[in-house]
C-alpha atoms as a PDB file:
ATOM      1  CA  MET A   1       1.188 -14.852 -55.113  1.00  0.00           C
ATOM      2  CA  HIS A   2       3.648 -15.293 -58.053  1.00  0.00           C
ATOM      3  CA  PHE A   3       2.158 -16.339 -61.334  1.00  0.00           C
ATOM      4  CA  ILE A   4       4.385 -18.121 -63.568  1.00  0.00           C
ATOM      5  CA  SER A   5       2.471 -19.079 -66.653  1.00  0.00           C
ATOM      6  CA  GLU A   6      -0.742 -17.672 -68.466  1.00  0.00           C
ATOM      7  CA  GLN A   7      -2.742 -18.679 -71.491  1.00  0.00           C
ATOM      8  CA  ARG A   8      -5.984 -17.374 -73.291  1.00  0.00           C
ATOM      9  CA  LEU A   9      -8.134 -20.343 -73.820  1.00  0.00           C
ATOM     10  CA  ASP A  10     -10.555 -20.860 -76.513  1.00  0.00           C
ATOM     11  CA  ASP A  11     -13.568 -20.043 -74.633  1.00  0.00           C
ATOM     12  CA  GLY A  12     -12.288 -16.941 -73.430  1.00  0.00           C
ATOM     13  CA  VAL A  13     -10.985 -18.179 -70.112  1.00  0.00           C
ATOM     14  CA  LEU A  14      -7.508 -16.899 -68.514  1.00  0.00           C
ATOM     15  CA  GLU A  15      -5.776 -19.689 -67.258  1.00  0.00           C
ATOM     16  CA  ARG A  16      -2.618 -19.014 -64.891  1.00  0.00           C
ATOM     17  CA  GLU A  17      -0.560 -21.100 -62.825  1.00  0.00           C
ATOM     18  CA  PHE A  18       0.432 -19.664 -59.735  1.00  0.00           C
ATOM     19  CA  THR A  19       2.950 -20.369 -56.648  1.00  0.00           C
ATOM     20  CA  LEU A  20       2.081 -18.950 -53.062  1.00  0.00           C
ATOM     21  CA  GLY A  21       5.276 -20.166 -50.733  1.00  0.00           C
ATOM     22  CA  ASP A  22       5.507 -23.982 -51.338  1.00  0.00           C
ATOM     23  CA  ILE A  23       1.610 -23.949 -52.582  1.00  0.00           C
ATOM     24  CA  PRO A  24       1.000 -24.619 -56.549  1.00  0.00           C
ATOM     25  CA  GLY A  25      -2.076 -23.521 -57.989  1.00  0.00           C
ATOM     26  CA  THR A  26      -4.307 -22.837 -60.892  1.00  0.00           C
ATOM     27  CA  LEU A  27      -6.740 -19.675 -61.448  1.00  0.00           C
ATOM     28  CA  TRP A  28      -8.936 -19.571 -64.311  1.00  0.00           C
ATOM     29  CA  THR A  29     -10.825 -16.069 -64.783  1.00  0.00           C
ATOM     30  CA  PRO A  30     -13.566 -15.215 -67.471  1.00  0.00           C
ATOM     31  CA  GLU A  31     -13.261 -12.624 -69.798  1.00  0.00           C
ATOM     32  CA  SER A  32     -15.282 -10.079 -68.307  1.00  0.00           C
ATOM     33  CA  ALA A  33     -13.464  -6.889 -66.559  1.00  0.00           C
ATOM     34  CA  ALA A  34     -15.780  -6.628 -63.578  1.00  0.00           C
ATOM     35  CA  PRO A  35     -14.548  -8.565 -60.370  1.00  0.00           C
ATOM     36  CA  ALA A  36     -15.718 -11.979 -60.420  1.00  0.00           C
ATOM     37  CA  PRO A  37     -17.017 -14.007 -57.699  1.00  0.00           C
ATOM     38  CA  LEU A  38     -14.893 -16.880 -56.632  1.00  0.00           C
ATOM     39  CA  VAL A  39     -15.117 -20.405 -56.454  1.00  0.00           C
ATOM     40  CA  LEU A  40     -12.811 -22.883 -54.729  1.00  0.00           C
ATOM     41  CA  MET A  41     -12.346 -26.384 -56.393  1.00  0.00           C
ATOM     42  CA  ALA A  42     -10.530 -28.825 -54.306  1.00  0.00           C
ATOM     43  CA  HIS A  43      -9.485 -32.584 -55.031  1.00  0.00           C
ATOM     44  CA  ASN A  44      -7.651 -35.120 -52.979  1.00  0.00           C
ATOM     45  CA  ASN A  45      -6.740 -38.795 -53.143  1.00  0.00           C
ATOM     46  CA  GLY A  46      -3.093 -37.504 -54.497  1.00  0.00           C
ATOM     47  CA  LEU A  47      -4.758 -36.186 -57.676  1.00  0.00           C
ATOM     48  CA  PRO A  48      -3.195 -33.331 -59.609  1.00  0.00           C
ATOM     49  CA  LYS A  49      -4.758 -29.827 -60.150  1.00  0.00           C
ATOM     50  CA  ALA A  50      -4.412 -30.609 -63.652  1.00  0.00           C
ATOM     51  CA  GLU A  51      -6.742 -33.823 -63.196  1.00  0.00           C
ATOM     52  CA  PRO A  52      -8.774 -33.566 -66.328  1.00  0.00           C
ATOM     53  CA  ARG A  53     -12.088 -33.955 -64.956  1.00  0.00           C
ATOM     54  CA  LEU A  54     -11.378 -30.790 -62.223  1.00  0.00           C
ATOM     55  CA  VAL A  55      -9.797 -28.821 -65.315  1.00  0.00           C
ATOM     56  CA  ALA A  56     -13.260 -29.380 -67.293  1.00  0.00           C
ATOM     57  CA  ARG A  57     -15.397 -28.386 -64.242  1.00  0.00           C
ATOM     58  CA  ALA A  58     -13.173 -25.377 -63.709  1.00  0.00           C
ATOM     59  CA  ARG A  59     -13.142 -23.869 -67.355  1.00  0.00           C
ATOM     60  CA  TYR A  60     -16.973 -24.569 -67.517  1.00  0.00           C
ATOM     61  CA  THR A  61     -17.535 -22.454 -64.363  1.00  0.00           C
ATOM     62  CA  ALA A  62     -15.015 -19.980 -65.041  1.00  0.00           C
ATOM     63  CA  ALA A  63     -16.746 -19.463 -68.756  1.00  0.00           C
ATOM     64  CA  ARG A  64     -20.053 -18.760 -66.701  1.00  0.00           C
ATOM     65  CA  GLY A  65     -18.401 -15.721 -65.193  1.00  0.00           C
ATOM     66  CA  TYR A  66     -16.753 -17.023 -61.992  1.00  0.00           C
ATOM     67  CA  ALA A  67     -12.896 -16.886 -60.938  1.00  0.00           C
ATOM     68  CA  VAL A  68     -11.811 -20.292 -59.996  1.00  0.00           C
ATOM     69  CA  ALA A  69      -9.278 -21.577 -57.956  1.00  0.00           C
ATOM     70  CA  THR A  70      -7.532 -24.922 -57.080  1.00  0.00           C
ATOM     71  CA  ILE A  71      -4.278 -25.870 -55.409  1.00  0.00           C
ATOM     72  CA  ASP A  72      -2.172 -28.765 -55.062  1.00  0.00           C
ATOM     73  CA  ALA A  73      -2.757 -29.672 -51.250  1.00  0.00           C
ATOM     74  CA  ALA A  74       0.319 -31.357 -49.435  1.00  0.00           C
ATOM     75  CA  GLY A  75       0.928 -35.000 -50.846  1.00  0.00           C
ATOM     76  CA  CYS A  76      -0.989 -34.223 -53.974  1.00  0.00           C
ATOM     77  CA  GLY A  77       0.014 -33.916 -57.606  1.00  0.00           C
ATOM     78  CA  ASP A  78       3.928 -33.286 -57.582  1.00  0.00           C
ATOM     79  CA  ARG A  79       4.131 -31.961 -53.951  1.00  0.00           C
ATOM     80  CA  PRO A  80       6.276 -34.409 -51.649  1.00  0.00           C
ATOM     81  CA  ARG A  81       4.433 -37.212 -49.906  1.00  0.00           C
ATOM     82  CA  SER A  82       5.298 -38.369 -46.433  1.00  0.00           C
ATOM     83  CA  ALA A  83       6.391 -41.754 -45.713  1.00  0.00           C
ATOM     84  CA  ALA A  84       3.350 -42.061 -43.241  1.00  0.00           C
ATOM     85  CA  ASP A  85       1.154 -41.040 -46.244  1.00  0.00           C
ATOM     86  CA  GLU A  86       2.707 -43.563 -48.614  1.00  0.00           C
ATOM     87  CA  GLN A  87       2.364 -46.484 -45.923  1.00  0.00           C
ATOM     88  CA  ALA A  88      -1.140 -45.643 -45.261  1.00  0.00           C
ATOM     89  CA  ARG A  89      -1.904 -45.577 -49.126  1.00  0.00           C
ATOM     90  CA  ALA A  90      -0.035 -49.056 -49.449  1.00  0.00           C
ATOM     91  CA  ASP A  91      -2.146 -50.212 -46.374  1.00  0.00           C
ATOM     92  CA  LEU A  92      -5.161 -49.319 -48.249  1.00  0.00           C
ATOM     93  CA  ARG A  93      -4.442 -50.871 -51.293  1.00  0.00           C
ATOM     94  CA  ARG A  94      -3.689 -53.915 -49.672  1.00  0.00           C
ATOM     95  CA  ALA A  95      -6.870 -53.871 -47.344  1.00  0.00           C
ATOM     96  CA  MET A  96      -9.275 -53.126 -50.474  1.00  0.00           C
ATOM     97  CA  GLN A  97      -7.469 -56.265 -52.637  1.00  0.00           C
ATOM     98  CA  ALA A  98      -8.080 -58.368 -49.575  1.00  0.00           C
ATOM     99  CA  GLY A  99     -11.612 -57.399 -48.730  1.00  0.00           C
ATOM    100  CA  GLU A 100     -10.758 -56.192 -45.251  1.00  0.00           C
ATOM    101  CA  PRO A 101     -12.377 -52.838 -43.569  1.00  0.00           C
ATOM    102  CA  VAL A 102     -10.824 -49.989 -44.595  1.00  0.00           C
ATOM    103  CA  ASP A 103     -12.444 -47.270 -42.623  1.00  0.00           C
ATOM    104  CA  GLU A 104      -9.694 -47.052 -39.949  1.00  0.00           C
ATOM    105  CA  ILE A 105      -7.007 -46.666 -42.035  1.00  0.00           C
ATOM    106  CA  PHE A 106      -9.283 -43.947 -44.061  1.00  0.00           C
ATOM    107  CA  GLU A 107      -9.693 -42.368 -40.507  1.00  0.00           C
ATOM    108  CA  SER A 108      -5.816 -42.339 -39.839  1.00  0.00           C
ATOM    109  CA  PHE A 109      -4.819 -41.020 -43.423  1.00  0.00           C
ATOM    110  CA  ILE A 110      -7.784 -38.539 -44.501  1.00  0.00           C
ATOM    111  CA  GLY A 111      -8.275 -36.892 -41.174  1.00  0.00           C
ATOM    112  CA  PRO A 112      -4.575 -35.206 -41.078  1.00  0.00           C
ATOM    113  CA  LEU A 113      -4.720 -34.281 -44.751  1.00  0.00           C
ATOM    114  CA  VAL A 114      -7.843 -32.475 -44.074  1.00  0.00           C
ATOM    115  CA  GLU A 115      -6.026 -30.513 -40.759  1.00  0.00           C
ATOM    116  CA  ASN A 116      -2.931 -29.832 -43.122  1.00  0.00           C
ATOM    117  CA  ALA A 117      -5.135 -28.629 -46.064  1.00  0.00           C
ATOM    118  CA  VAL A 118      -7.359 -25.938 -44.284  1.00  0.00           C
ATOM    119  CA  PRO A 119      -4.352 -23.331 -43.451  1.00  0.00           C
ATOM    120  CA  GLU A 120      -3.229 -23.726 -46.967  1.00  0.00           C
ATOM    121  CA  TRP A 121      -6.320 -23.191 -48.712  1.00  0.00           C
ATOM    122  CA  ARG A 122      -7.493 -20.228 -46.184  1.00  0.00           C
ATOM    123  CA  THR A 123      -3.857 -18.612 -46.869  1.00  0.00           C
ATOM    124  CA  THR A 124      -4.776 -18.964 -50.810  1.00  0.00           C
ATOM    125  CA  LEU A 125      -8.024 -17.521 -50.150  1.00  0.00           C
ATOM    126  CA  ASP A 126      -6.399 -14.585 -48.357  1.00  0.00           C
ATOM    127  CA  ALA A 127      -4.270 -13.740 -51.389  1.00  0.00           C
ATOM    128  CA  LEU A 128      -6.762 -14.643 -54.140  1.00  0.00           C
ATOM    129  CA  LEU A 129      -9.245 -12.044 -52.714  1.00  0.00           C
ATOM    130  CA  GLU A 130      -6.414  -9.150 -52.844  1.00  0.00           C
ATOM    131  CA  LEU A 131      -6.434  -9.479 -56.831  1.00  0.00           C
ATOM    132  CA  PRO A 132      -8.574  -6.757 -58.501  1.00  0.00           C
ATOM    133  CA  GLU A 133     -10.271  -9.307 -60.822  1.00  0.00           C
ATOM    134  CA  ILE A 134     -11.598 -11.111 -57.884  1.00  0.00           C
ATOM    135  CA  GLY A 135     -14.635  -9.484 -55.923  1.00  0.00           C
ATOM    136  CA  GLY A 136     -16.169 -12.209 -53.689  1.00  0.00           C
ATOM    137  CA  PRO A 137     -18.395 -13.769 -52.522  1.00  0.00           C
ATOM    138  CA  VAL A 138     -16.942 -17.179 -52.293  1.00  0.00           C
ATOM    139  CA  GLY A 139     -18.223 -20.763 -52.908  1.00  0.00           C
ATOM    140  CA  TYR A 140     -16.781 -24.321 -52.588  1.00  0.00           C
ATOM    141  CA  SER A 141     -17.206 -26.704 -55.097  1.00  0.00           C
ATOM    142  CA  GLY A 142     -15.362 -30.090 -54.969  1.00  0.00           C
ATOM    143  CA  GLY A 143     -14.999 -33.735 -54.737  1.00  0.00           C
ATOM    144  CA  TRP A 144     -13.423 -33.255 -51.356  1.00  0.00           C
ATOM    145  CA  THR A 145     -16.154 -32.984 -49.094  1.00  0.00           C
ATOM    146  CA  ALA A 146     -14.417 -33.585 -46.021  1.00  0.00           C
ATOM    147  CA  LEU A 147     -12.402 -30.552 -46.571  1.00  0.00           C
ATOM    148  CA  GLY A 148     -15.123 -28.751 -47.618  1.00  0.00           C
ATOM    149  CA  ILE A 149     -16.854 -29.240 -44.465  1.00  0.00           C
ATOM    150  CA  ARG A 150     -14.085 -28.256 -42.794  1.00  0.00           C
ATOM    151  CA  LEU A 151     -13.554 -24.820 -44.450  1.00  0.00           C
ATOM    152  CA  ALA A 152     -17.240 -24.151 -44.374  1.00  0.00           C
ATOM    153  CA  VAL A 153     -17.142 -24.242 -40.442  1.00  0.00           C
ATOM    154  CA  ALA A 154     -14.011 -22.547 -40.127  1.00  0.00           C
ATOM    155  CA  GLU A 155     -14.360 -19.888 -42.997  1.00  0.00           C
ATOM    156  CA  PRO A 156     -16.988 -17.428 -42.639  1.00  0.00           C
ATOM    157  CA  ARG A 157     -16.189 -15.991 -46.424  1.00  0.00           C
ATOM    158  CA  ILE A 158     -17.693 -19.235 -47.742  1.00  0.00           C
ATOM    159  CA  ALA A 159     -21.296 -18.562 -48.906  1.00  0.00           C
ATOM    160  CA  ALA A 160     -22.245 -21.799 -50.661  1.00  0.00           C
ATOM    161  CA  ALA A 161     -21.072 -25.046 -51.389  1.00  0.00           C
ATOM    162  CA  GLY A 162     -21.223 -27.948 -53.527  1.00  0.00           C
ATOM    163  CA  PHE A 163     -20.278 -31.081 -52.358  1.00  0.00           C
ATOM    164  CA  PHE A 164     -19.677 -34.610 -54.077  1.00  0.00           C
ATOM    165  CA  ALA A 165     -20.873 -37.835 -51.705  1.00  0.00           C
ATOM    166  CA  GLY A 166     -17.916 -39.861 -53.278  1.00  0.00           C
ATOM    167  CA  GLY A 167     -14.954 -39.518 -51.015  1.00  0.00           C
ATOM    168  CA  TYR A 168     -14.755 -40.763 -47.128  1.00  0.00           C
ATOM    169  CA  VAL A 169     -15.518 -38.274 -44.836  1.00  0.00           C
ATOM    170  CA  PRO A 170     -13.883 -38.814 -41.308  1.00  0.00           C
ATOM    171  CA  ARG A 171     -15.881 -38.941 -38.018  1.00  0.00           C
ATOM    172  CA  ALA A 172     -14.611 -35.487 -37.111  1.00  0.00           C
ATOM    173  CA  GLN A 173     -16.307 -33.823 -40.019  1.00  0.00           C
ATOM    174  CA  ARG A 174     -19.410 -36.004 -39.789  1.00  0.00           C
ATOM    175  CA  GLU A 175     -19.650 -34.300 -36.512  1.00  0.00           C
ATOM    176  CA  GLU A 176     -18.919 -30.878 -37.976  1.00  0.00           C
ATOM    177  CA  ALA A 177     -21.533 -31.236 -41.035  1.00  0.00           C
ATOM    178  CA  ARG A 178     -24.162 -30.146 -37.997  1.00  0.00           C
ATOM    179  CA  GLN A 179     -22.471 -26.802 -37.975  1.00  0.00           C
ATOM    180  CA  VAL A 180     -22.912 -25.885 -41.488  1.00  0.00           C
ATOM    181  CA  THR A 181     -25.427 -23.724 -42.165  1.00  0.00           C
ATOM    182  CA  ILE A 182     -24.738 -22.441 -45.744  1.00  0.00           C
ATOM    183  CA  PRO A 183     -26.719 -23.371 -48.523  1.00  0.00           C
ATOM    184  CA  LEU A 184     -25.668 -26.913 -50.054  1.00  0.00           C
ATOM    185  CA  LEU A 185     -25.810 -28.704 -53.196  1.00  0.00           C
ATOM    186  CA  PHE A 186     -25.154 -32.495 -52.426  1.00  0.00           C
ATOM    187  CA  LEU A 187     -24.409 -34.740 -55.416  1.00  0.00           C
ATOM    188  CA  LEU A 188     -24.674 -38.546 -54.871  1.00  0.00           C
ATOM    189  CA  GLN A 189     -23.709 -41.503 -57.501  1.00  0.00           C
ATOM    190  CA  TRP A 190     -26.395 -44.202 -56.255  1.00  0.00           C
ATOM    191  CA  ASP A 191     -24.154 -47.056 -57.235  1.00  0.00           C
ATOM    192  CA  ASP A 192     -20.902 -45.828 -56.003  1.00  0.00           C
ATOM    193  CA  GLN A 193     -19.250 -48.947 -54.461  1.00  0.00           C
ATOM    194  CA  GLY A 194     -16.627 -47.024 -52.772  1.00  0.00           C
ATOM    195  CA  ASN A 195     -19.121 -44.966 -50.688  1.00  0.00           C
ATOM    196  CA  PRO A 196     -21.927 -46.725 -48.908  1.00  0.00           C
ATOM    197  CA  ARG A 197     -25.397 -44.985 -49.769  1.00  0.00           C
ATOM    198  CA  GLN A 198     -26.647 -44.869 -46.504  1.00  0.00           C
ATOM    199  CA  ARG A 199     -23.486 -43.301 -45.048  1.00  0.00           C
ATOM    200  CA  ALA A 200     -23.880 -40.361 -47.556  1.00  0.00           C
ATOM    201  CA  LEU A 201     -27.649 -40.009 -47.030  1.00  0.00           C
ATOM    202  CA  ASP A 202     -26.859 -39.752 -43.224  1.00  0.00           C
ATOM    203  CA  LEU A 203     -23.941 -36.987 -44.287  1.00  0.00           C
ATOM    204  CA  PHE A 204     -26.831 -34.986 -45.960  1.00  0.00           C
ATOM    205  CA  ASP A 205     -29.310 -35.376 -43.275  1.00  0.00           C
ATOM    206  CA  ALA A 206     -26.868 -34.118 -40.910  1.00  0.00           C
ATOM    207  CA  PHE A 207     -26.098 -30.862 -42.312  1.00  0.00           C
ATOM    208  CA  GLY A 208     -27.420 -28.004 -40.546  1.00  0.00           C
ATOM    209  CA  SER A 209     -28.254 -26.031 -43.650  1.00  0.00           C
ATOM    210  CA  LYS A 210     -31.876 -24.824 -43.761  1.00  0.00           C
ATOM    211  CA  GLU A 211     -31.334 -24.697 -47.580  1.00  0.00           C
ATOM    212  CA  LYS A 212     -29.901 -28.104 -48.844  1.00  0.00           C
ATOM    213  CA  THR A 213     -30.567 -30.125 -52.041  1.00  0.00           C
ATOM    214  CA  LEU A 214     -29.906 -33.781 -52.675  1.00  0.00           C
ATOM    215  CA  HIS A 215     -29.252 -34.699 -56.613  1.00  0.00           C
ATOM    216  CA  ALA A 216     -28.934 -38.656 -56.819  1.00  0.00           C
ATOM    217  CA  ASN A 217     -28.225 -40.080 -60.195  1.00  0.00           C
ATOM    218  CA  LEU A 218     -27.572 -43.774 -61.380  1.00  0.00           C
ATOM    219  CA  GLY A 219     -24.203 -45.032 -61.952  1.00  0.00           C
ATOM    220  CA  GLY A 220     -20.893 -45.372 -60.260  1.00  0.00           C
ATOM    221  CA  HIS A 221     -17.929 -42.971 -58.974  1.00  0.00           C
ATOM    222  CA  THR A 222     -17.033 -41.113 -62.001  1.00  0.00           C
ATOM    223  CA  GLY A 223     -20.620 -41.473 -63.768  1.00  0.00           C
ATOM    224  CA  THR A 224     -22.014 -38.208 -62.770  1.00  0.00           C
ATOM    225  CA  PRO A 225     -23.929 -36.855 -65.677  1.00  0.00           C
ATOM    226  CA  TRP A 226     -22.706 -33.542 -67.417  1.00  0.00           C
ATOM    227  CA  PHE A 227     -25.892 -31.797 -66.750  1.00  0.00           C
ATOM    228  CA  GLU A 228     -25.061 -31.727 -63.175  1.00  0.00           C
ATOM    229  CA  LEU A 229     -22.230 -29.200 -63.954  1.00  0.00           C
ATOM    230  CA  GLU A 230     -25.059 -26.748 -65.497  1.00  0.00           C
ATOM    231  CA  ASP A 231     -27.026 -27.220 -62.394  1.00  0.00           C
ATOM    232  CA  GLY A 232     -24.260 -26.717 -60.216  1.00  0.00           C
ATOM    233  CA  CYS A 233     -23.506 -23.420 -61.715  1.00  0.00           C
ATOM    234  CA  ARG A 234     -27.101 -22.377 -61.345  1.00  0.00           C
ATOM    235  CA  PHE A 235     -26.924 -23.062 -58.070  1.00  0.00           C
ATOM    236  CA  LEU A 236     -23.647 -20.873 -57.571  1.00  0.00           C
ATOM    237  CA  ASP A 237     -25.927 -18.135 -59.707  1.00  0.00           C
ATOM    238  CA  ARG A 238     -28.539 -17.969 -57.043  1.00  0.00           C
ATOM    239  CA  HIS A 239     -26.103 -17.712 -54.116  1.00  0.00           C
ATOM    240  CA  LEU A 240     -23.023 -15.816 -55.357  1.00  0.00           C
ATOM    241  CA  ASN A 241     -24.324 -13.225 -57.508  1.00  0.00           C
END
């Protein structure tokens, strides 16, 4: 892991950009000198790691005493996109504009993204846990629920997770949800037109966790109330401290 820049922000959080081979990432750490628990924050849909909503969540969480890390998965941010990915995105836009079914396009697009992203996230986790300022345990918090499900099943170091029911979850991860047993906080926007409400409720029901909490709020995809970030940190406090 090679740090390429750093800056101390107004809230005392240290923000550092890093590279790990071809993987670009950002790490936010609190002022405290003690090793901090780690929270992985993931995004998808081609968004960059500098996406403002993700950065705001990361800074808030780091100021609460956590190390927070994110990376650009393949095809996200400035990383190259394959011709197949670009074609899938074009097919998706065309189908949505025409009002056609899009589930099969999502299946062919999101499924491989998840499979390709998991090894990179695990490699990043290995490198992060070698840093003296990070102690563990590890949590996951992010809008990319499909990746979070796959990581929660494949990665025993993840002790708790917060998922946002706002993205397509492939059939494979919907089945894997039954194997997820860590504590969960699941956020649902009740009026998210791009995410059928019943599908999200069925996914919540499928999780195998004995401790799982559903927070549902009125509003569309980007309307999650700010107080959910505070509640999310309280959830992390219960399970990572």
